Structure formats: C-alpha cells, structure tokens
Amino acid sequence: MTEDQKLEACARATHEANRAYCIAIGDLSQVPWDEAPEWQKSSAKIGVAGAIQGVTPEQSHESWLRTKEADGWRYGPVKDAEAKTHPCFVAYSDLPLAQRAKDDVFVTVARVMWIALSDVAGSTA
C-alpha cells in the first residue's frame, strides 16, 4: 500500500467516524465518503496528514479554520457549502464540548488507522 493509499484509507475512516459521531449527536448532514464532495475529501486528507504528524485536536481545528478561511468560508449559524458558512468557524476554545470531542475522535481515528495500515503493510511486505 502506498503512502497516498494509506492517506486515502485513513481519510475515509476519519470521515466515516465523523459521520457516525455526527449522527449520534443529531447532525444528519454528513454524507458517506463515496458521496462526499471533493472539497470535503481534501479537507479530511489534510486533517489526517496533520494528525499523523502529531498535531493536537486544537491544532487540527485551527488548521481546518485556516484552510476554510483561505477557501472563502466564514461563520454562519448553519453549515451551508454553497454559502460557505459553518457554525464551527470559531476558535477551538469557543466550540461546544461535543464539537471539541469530534476533533478528538478525528485525530485519534487518523492515528490509529495510520498505525494499523503501516503494520499491515509491514507484515505483508
């Protein structure tokens, strides 16, 4: 498995874990990975790259904010991809606990998947 394939697999896993978490807290806005727009997949890949380099959940969120801002996103009470608004477009410290926990889940899943895929790749080489 190449590094790009591992990154893609980890991004898929973090996306699906995020989607499951969102469903659990009543947010039904997330689509499965195969239906996700390219900007969302790219965002997950960027987040995974940071997680495997050791960023904290807070640093991951701040990176997400910078990436979104560069793409024209801003704060809005509702997530709207067309209008490029998002209710989590705030500092990490201002996020509700449930949203901070989502960043924890993302970083943890990314790291665990990377380790697992690296181990699988190593044992099949």
Foldseek 3Di string as FASTA:
>chain_A
DDPVVLLLVLLLQLLVLLCVLCVVVPNNPRDHPVPDDPVSSVLSSVLLVVLQVPDDLQVSLVVSLVVLVVVPADDDPPDDVVNRHDPSNDHLVPDPPSVSVSSVSSSVSSNVSSVVVVVVVVVVD
